[in-house]
């Protein structure tokens, strides 16, 4: 794993709730890349609804467009 300059992005999340599968994009901060497996994954910092932060891995991310 190696660190990078953090940047804002969205990660692709699949949630299963009450037998329904929902797919959506969730905002995150990319802080690293892990290339130890076959496919690289991103280390992301995610803010939960109650304001806490946690680290997670994401396979698919989308970089946010630049703001002027």
PDB file of N, CA and C in Angstrom:
ATOM      1  N   UNK A   1       0.832  -1.174   0.000  1.00  0.00           N
ATOM      2  CA  UNK A   1       0.000   0.000   0.000  1.00  0.00           C
ATOM      3  C   UNK A   1       0.875   1.235   0.000  1.00  0.00           C
ATOM      4  N   UNK A   2       0.428   2.257  -0.661  1.00  0.00           N
ATOM      5  CA  UNK A   2       1.152   3.514  -0.609  1.00  0.00           C
ATOM      6  C   UNK A   2       0.164   4.660  -0.498  1.00  0.00           C
ATOM      7  N   UNK A   3       0.607   5.735   0.129  1.00  0.00           N
ATOM      8  CA  UNK A   3      -0.267   6.887   0.317  1.00  0.00           C
ATOM      9  C   UNK A   3      -0.150   7.824  -0.886  1.00  0.00           C
ATOM     10  N   UNK A   4      -1.154   8.641  -1.050  1.00  0.00           N
ATOM     11  CA  UNK A   4      -1.195   9.623  -2.131  1.00  0.00           C
ATOM     12  C   UNK A   4      -1.701  10.937  -1.545  1.00  0.00           C
ATOM     13  N   UNK A   5      -1.637  11.992  -2.320  1.00  0.00           N
ATOM     14  CA  UNK A   5      -2.244  13.246  -1.893  1.00  0.00           C
ATOM     15  C   UNK A   5      -3.755  13.038  -1.867  1.00  0.00           C
ATOM     16  N   UNK A   6      -4.393  13.201  -0.715  1.00  0.00           N
ATOM     17  CA  UNK A   6      -5.839  12.938  -0.625  1.00  0.00           C
ATOM     18  C   UNK A   6      -6.647  13.797  -1.589  1.00  0.00           C
ATOM     19  N   UNK A   7      -7.716  13.205  -2.112  1.00  0.00           N
ATOM     20  CA  UNK A   7      -8.625  13.945  -2.985  1.00  0.00           C
ATOM     21  C   UNK A   7     -10.050  13.450  -2.800  1.00  0.00           C
ATOM     22  N   UNK A   8     -11.001  14.347  -3.063  1.00  0.00           N
ATOM     23  CA  UNK A   8     -12.418  14.027  -2.928  1.00  0.00           C
ATOM     24  C   UNK A   8     -12.867  13.146  -4.078  1.00  0.00           C
ATOM     25  N   UNK A   9     -13.703  12.171  -3.762  1.00  0.00           N
ATOM     26  CA  UNK A   9     -14.211  11.241  -4.772  1.00  0.00           C
ATOM     27  C   UNK A   9     -15.540  10.666  -4.294  1.00  0.00           C
ATOM     28  N   UNK A  10     -16.101   9.792  -5.090  1.00  0.00           N
ATOM     29  CA  UNK A  10     -17.291   9.025  -4.720  1.00  0.00           C
ATOM     30  C   UNK A  10     -16.967   7.560  -4.939  1.00  0.00           C
ATOM     31  N   UNK A  11     -17.442   6.718  -4.039  1.00  0.00           N
ATOM     32  CA  UNK A  11     -17.218   5.275  -4.202  1.00  0.00           C
ATOM     33  C   UNK A  11     -18.541   4.593  -4.509  1.00  0.00           C
ATOM     34  N   UNK A  12     -18.464   3.518  -5.273  1.00  0.00           N
ATOM     35  CA  UNK A  12     -19.646   2.753  -5.670  1.00  0.00           C
ATOM     36  C   UNK A  12     -19.972   1.779  -4.550  1.00  0.00           C
ATOM     37  N   UNK A  13     -21.188   1.862  -4.027  1.00  0.00           N
ATOM     38  CA  UNK A  13     -21.594   1.042  -2.888  1.00  0.00           C
ATOM     39  C   UNK A  13     -22.824   0.230  -3.269  1.00  0.00           C
ATOM     40  N   UNK A  14     -22.803  -1.057  -2.938  1.00  0.00           N
ATOM     41  CA  UNK A  14     -23.959  -1.931  -3.125  1.00  0.00           C
ATOM     42  C   UNK A  14     -24.468  -2.298  -1.742  1.00  0.00           C
ATOM     43  N   UNK A  15     -25.726  -1.972  -1.463  1.00  0.00           N
ATOM     44  CA  UNK A  15     -26.330  -2.259  -0.166  1.00  0.00           C
ATOM     45  C   UNK A  15     -27.507  -3.199  -0.345  1.00  0.00           C
ATOM     46  N   UNK A  16     -27.610  -4.184   0.545  1.00  0.00           N
ATOM     47  CA  UNK A  16     -28.744  -5.110   0.532  1.00  0.00           C
ATOM     48  C   UNK A  16     -29.521  -4.874   1.816  1.00  0.00           C
ATOM     49  N   UNK A  17     -30.766  -4.439   1.663  1.00  0.00           N
ATOM     50  CA  UNK A  17     -31.598  -4.115   2.816  1.00  0.00           C
ATOM     51  C   UNK A  17     -33.007  -4.615   2.556  1.00  0.00           C
ATOM     52  N   UNK A  18     -33.540  -5.393   3.464  1.00  0.00           N
ATOM     53  CA  UNK A  18     -34.898  -5.935   3.341  1.00  0.00           C
ATOM     54  C   UNK A  18     -35.108  -6.674   2.030  1.00  0.00           C
ATOM     55  N   UNK A  19     -34.108  -7.422   1.594  1.00  0.00           N
ATOM     56  CA  UNK A  19     -34.208  -8.196   0.374  1.00  0.00           C
ATOM     57  C   UNK A  19     -34.054  -7.392  -0.905  1.00  0.00           C
ATOM     58  N   UNK A  20     -33.819  -6.083  -0.791  1.00  0.00           N
ATOM     59  CA  UNK A  20     -33.636  -5.221  -1.955  1.00  0.00           C
ATOM     60  C   UNK A  20     -32.174  -4.857  -2.107  1.00  0.00           C
ATOM     61  N   UNK A  21     -31.711  -4.851  -3.326  1.00  0.00           N
ATOM     62  CA  UNK A  21     -30.336  -4.439  -3.606  1.00  0.00           C
ATOM     63  C   UNK A  21     -30.352  -3.015  -4.141  1.00  0.00           C
ATOM     64  N   UNK A  22     -29.607  -2.143  -3.475  1.00  0.00           N
ATOM     65  CA  UNK A  22     -29.525  -0.748  -3.899  1.00  0.00           C
ATOM     66  C   UNK A  22     -28.082  -0.417  -4.210  1.00  0.00           C
ATOM     67  N   UNK A  23     -27.865   0.254  -5.318  1.00  0.00           N
ATOM     68  CA  UNK A  23     -26.529   0.666  -5.719  1.00  0.00           C
ATOM     69  C   UNK A  23     -26.502   2.181  -5.796  1.00  0.00           C
ATOM     70  N   UNK A  24     -25.482   2.793  -5.185  1.00  0.00           N
ATOM     71  CA  UNK A  24     -25.384   4.240  -5.236  1.00  0.00           C
ATOM     72  C   UNK A  24     -23.934   4.683  -5.072  1.00  0.00           C
ATOM     73  N   UNK A  25     -23.704   5.959  -5.300  1.00  0.00           N
ATOM     74  CA  UNK A  25     -22.390   6.563  -5.141  1.00  0.00           C
ATOM     75  C   UNK A  25     -22.369   7.289  -3.811  1.00  0.00           C
ATOM     76  N   UNK A  26     -21.333   7.043  -3.026  1.00  0.00           N
ATOM     77  CA  UNK A  26     -21.204   7.634  -1.701  1.00  0.00           C
ATOM     78  C   UNK A  26     -19.942   8.482  -1.648  1.00  0.00           C
ATOM     79  N   UNK A  27     -20.021   9.735  -1.155  1.00  0.00           N
ATOM     80  CA  UNK A  27     -18.832  10.588  -1.107  1.00  0.00           C
ATOM     81  C   UNK A  27     -17.769  10.018  -0.170  1.00  0.00           C
ATOM     82  N   UNK A  28     -16.509  10.233  -0.522  1.00  0.00           N
ATOM     83  CA  UNK A  28     -15.398   9.752   0.294  1.00  0.00           C
ATOM     84  C   UNK A  28     -14.160  10.588  -0.004  1.00  0.00           C
ATOM     85  N   UNK A  29     -13.111  10.317   0.726  1.00  0.00           N
ATOM     86  CA  UNK A  29     -11.812  10.956   0.522  1.00  0.00           C
ATOM     87  C   UNK A  29     -10.813   9.828   0.254  1.00  0.00           C
ATOM     88  N   UNK A  30     -10.198   9.811  -0.913  1.00  0.00           N
ATOM     89  CA  UNK A  30      -9.207   8.781  -1.244  1.00  0.00           C
ATOM     90  C   UNK A  30      -7.883   9.166  -0.590  1.00  0.00           C
ATOM     91  N   UNK A  31      -7.312   8.232   0.206  1.00  0.00           N
ATOM     92  CA  UNK A  31      -6.068   8.541   0.911  1.00  0.00           C
ATOM     93  C   UNK A  31      -4.935   7.571   0.586  1.00  0.00           C
ATOM     94  N   UNK A  32      -5.227   6.505  -0.159  1.00  0.00           N
ATOM     95  CA  UNK A  32      -4.171   5.565  -0.496  1.00  0.00           C
ATOM     96  C   UNK A  32      -4.613   4.562  -1.547  1.00  0.00           C
ATOM     97  N   UNK A  33      -3.640   3.791  -2.024  1.00  0.00           N
ATOM     98  CA  UNK A  33      -3.894   2.751  -3.022  1.00  0.00           C
ATOM     99  C   UNK A  33      -3.202   1.482  -2.552  1.00  0.00           C
ATOM    100  N   UNK A  34      -3.904   0.358  -2.628  1.00  0.00           N
ATOM    101  CA  UNK A  34      -3.335  -0.938  -2.260  1.00  0.00           C
ATOM    102  C   UNK A  34      -3.194  -1.768  -3.524  1.00  0.00           C
ATOM    103  N   UNK A  35      -1.967  -2.097  -3.877  1.00  0.00           N
ATOM    104  CA  UNK A  35      -1.729  -2.878  -5.091  1.00  0.00           C
ATOM    105  C   UNK A  35      -1.196  -4.268  -4.771  1.00  0.00           C
ATOM    106  N   UNK A  36      -1.490  -4.779  -3.568  1.00  0.00           N
ATOM    107  CA  UNK A  36      -0.959  -6.076  -3.158  1.00  0.00           C
ATOM    108  C   UNK A  36      -1.705  -7.251  -3.798  1.00  0.00           C
ATOM    109  N   UNK A  37      -2.940  -7.042  -4.260  1.00  0.00           N
ATOM    110  CA  UNK A  37      -3.707  -8.118  -4.871  1.00  0.00           C
ATOM    111  C   UNK A  37      -3.613  -8.091  -6.381  1.00  0.00           C
ATOM    112  N   UNK A  38      -4.493  -8.867  -7.020  1.00  0.00           N
ATOM    113  CA  UNK A  38      -4.539  -8.893  -8.481  1.00  0.00           C
ATOM    114  C   UNK A  38      -4.993  -7.559  -9.052  1.00  0.00           C
ATOM    115  N   UNK A  39      -5.979  -6.959  -8.419  1.00  0.00           N
ATOM    116  CA  UNK A  39      -6.519  -5.669  -8.855  1.00  0.00           C
ATOM    117  C   UNK A  39      -6.246  -4.636  -7.765  1.00  0.00           C
ATOM    118  N   UNK A  40      -5.883  -3.426  -8.133  1.00  0.00           N
ATOM    119  CA  UNK A  40      -5.669  -2.402  -7.104  1.00  0.00           C
ATOM    120  C   UNK A  40      -6.989  -2.004  -6.439  1.00  0.00           C
ATOM    121  N   UNK A  41      -6.917  -1.623  -5.181  1.00  0.00           N
ATOM    122  CA  UNK A  41      -8.083  -1.082  -4.491  1.00  0.00           C
ATOM    123  C   UNK A  41      -7.674   0.227  -3.835  1.00  0.00           C
ATOM    124  N   UNK A  42      -8.646   1.038  -3.561  1.00  0.00           N
ATOM    125  CA  UNK A  42      -8.400   2.357  -2.992  1.00  0.00           C
ATOM    126  C   UNK A  42      -8.711   2.336  -1.507  1.00  0.00           C
ATOM    127  N   UNK A  43      -7.878   2.976  -0.714  1.00  0.00           N
ATOM    128  CA  UNK A  43      -8.143   3.150   0.703  1.00  0.00           C
ATOM    129  C   UNK A  43      -8.847   4.494   0.837  1.00  0.00           C
ATOM    130  N   UNK A  44     -10.066   4.462   1.370  1.00  0.00           N
ATOM    131  CA  UNK A  44     -10.876   5.672   1.429  1.00  0.00           C
ATOM    132  C   UNK A  44     -11.301   5.965   2.863  1.00  0.00           C
ATOM    133  N   UNK A  45     -11.503   7.237   3.130  1.00  0.00           N
ATOM    134  CA  UNK A  45     -12.020   7.707   4.405  1.00  0.00           C
ATOM    135  C   UNK A  45     -13.466   8.103   4.156  1.00  0.00           C
ATOM    136  N   UNK A  46     -14.376   7.516   4.940  1.00  0.00           N
ATOM    137  CA  UNK A  46     -15.807   7.723   4.741  1.00  0.00           C
ATOM    138  C   UNK A  46     -16.405   8.341   5.993  1.00  0.00           C
ATOM    139  N   UNK A  47     -17.252   9.341   5.825  1.00  0.00           N
ATOM    140  CA  UNK A  47     -17.937   9.955   6.965  1.00  0.00           C
ATOM    141  C   UNK A  47     -19.324   9.328   7.080  1.00  0.00           C
ATOM    142  N   UNK A  48     -19.662   8.840   8.263  1.00  0.00           N
ATOM    143  CA  UNK A  48     -20.972   8.228   8.474  1.00  0.00           C
ATOM    144  C   UNK A  48     -22.011   9.306   8.768  1.00  0.00           C
ATOM    145  N   UNK A  49     -23.271   8.906   8.871  1.00  0.00           N
ATOM    146  CA  UNK A  49     -24.366   9.848   9.083  1.00  0.00           C
ATOM    147  C   UNK A  49     -24.237  10.601  10.403  1.00  0.00           C
ATOM    148  N   UNK A  50     -23.601   9.974  11.408  1.00  0.00           N
ATOM    149  CA  UNK A  50     -23.468  10.641  12.709  1.00  0.00           C
ATOM    150  C   UNK A  50     -22.177  11.462  12.819  1.00  0.00           C
ATOM    151  N   UNK A  51     -21.444  11.622  11.714  1.00  0.00           N
ATOM    152  CA  UNK A  51     -20.261  12.470  11.698  1.00  0.00           C
ATOM    153  C   UNK A  51     -18.943  11.767  11.977  1.00  0.00           C
ATOM    154  N   UNK A  52     -18.983  10.477  12.275  1.00  0.00           N
ATOM    155  CA  UNK A  52     -17.749   9.725  12.523  1.00  0.00           C
ATOM    156  C   UNK A  52     -17.082   9.350  11.206  1.00  0.00           C
ATOM    157  N   UNK A  53     -15.764   9.209  11.252  1.00  0.00           N
ATOM    158  CA  UNK A  53     -15.000   8.790  10.079  1.00  0.00           C
ATOM    159  C   UNK A  53     -14.546   7.352  10.266  1.00  0.00           C
ATOM    160  N   UNK A  54     -14.474   6.603   9.183  1.00  0.00           N
ATOM    161  CA  UNK A  54     -13.873   5.271   9.222  1.00  0.00           C
ATOM    162  C   UNK A  54     -13.155   5.012   7.898  1.00  0.00           C
ATOM    163  N   UNK A  55     -12.210   4.090   7.934  1.00  0.00           N
ATOM    164  CA  UNK A  55     -11.463   3.710   6.733  1.00  0.00           C
ATOM    165  C   UNK A  55     -12.095   2.484   6.110  1.00  0.00           C
ATOM    166  N   UNK A  56     -12.064   2.427   4.790  1.00  0.00           N
ATOM    167  CA  UNK A  56     -12.629   1.301   4.061  1.00  0.00           C
ATOM    168  C   UNK A  56     -11.869   1.145   2.758  1.00  0.00           C
ATOM    169  N   UNK A  57     -12.105   0.062   2.067  1.00  0.00           N
ATOM    170  CA  UNK A  57     -11.510  -0.159   0.746  1.00  0.00           C
ATOM    171  C   UNK A  57     -12.609  -0.026  -0.299  1.00  0.00           C
ATOM    172  N   UNK A  58     -12.231   0.493  -1.466  1.00  0.00           N
ATOM    173  CA  UNK A  58     -13.187   0.641  -2.566  1.00  0.00           C
ATOM    174  C   UNK A  58     -12.536   0.133  -3.840  1.00  0.00           C
ATOM    175  N   UNK A  59     -13.294  -0.623  -4.619  1.00  0.00           N
ATOM    176  CA  UNK A  59     -12.794  -1.126  -5.899  1.00  0.00           C
ATOM    177  C   UNK A  59     -13.047  -0.132  -7.020  1.00  0.00           C
ATOM    178  N   UNK A  60     -14.175   0.592  -6.921  1.00  0.00           N
ATOM    179  CA  UNK A  60     -14.559   1.531  -7.975  1.00  0.00           C
ATOM    180  C   UNK A  60     -14.761   2.901  -7.343  1.00  0.00           C
ATOM    181  N   UNK A  61     -14.045   3.892  -7.877  1.00  0.00           N
ATOM    182  CA  UNK A  61     -14.236   5.260  -7.423  1.00  0.00           C
ATOM    183  C   UNK A  61     -14.406   6.168  -8.626  1.00  0.00           C
ATOM    184  N   UNK A  62     -14.917   7.345  -8.352  1.00  0.00           N
ATOM    185  CA  UNK A  62     -15.098   8.363  -9.383  1.00  0.00           C
ATOM    186  C   UNK A  62     -14.603   9.677  -8.780  1.00  0.00           C
ATOM    187  N   UNK A  63     -13.610  10.265  -9.410  1.00  0.00           N
ATOM    188  CA  UNK A  63     -13.041  11.511  -8.916  1.00  0.00           C
ATOM    189  C   UNK A  63     -14.029  12.650  -9.149  1.00  0.00           C
ATOM    190  N   UNK A  64     -14.212  13.502  -8.135  1.00  0.00           N
ATOM    191  CA  UNK A  64     -15.125  14.627  -8.251  1.00  0.00           C
ATOM    192  C   UNK A  64     -14.561  15.654  -9.231  1.00  0.00           C
ATOM    193  N   UNK A  65     -15.444  16.318  -9.977  1.00  0.00           N
ATOM    194  CA  UNK A  65     -14.962  17.331 -10.920  1.00  0.00           C
ATOM    195  C   UNK A  65     -14.347  18.512 -10.161  1.00  0.00           C
ATOM    196  N   UNK A  66     -13.379  19.186 -10.755  1.00  0.00           N
ATOM    197  CA  UNK A  66     -12.747  20.320 -10.077  1.00  0.00           C
ATOM    198  C   UNK A  66     -13.735  21.483  -9.919  1.00  0.00           C
ATOM    199  N   UNK A  67     -13.558  22.218  -8.845  1.00  0.00           N
ATOM    200  CA  UNK A  67     -14.402  23.392  -8.608  1.00  0.00           C
ATOM    201  C   UNK A  67     -13.604  24.646  -8.886  1.00  0.00           C
ATOM    202  N   UNK A  68     -14.273  25.633  -9.414  1.00  0.00           N
ATOM    203  CA  UNK A  68     -13.582  26.878  -9.780  1.00  0.00           C
ATOM    204  C   UNK A  68     -13.492  27.827  -8.621  1.00  0.00           C
TER     205      UNK A  68
END
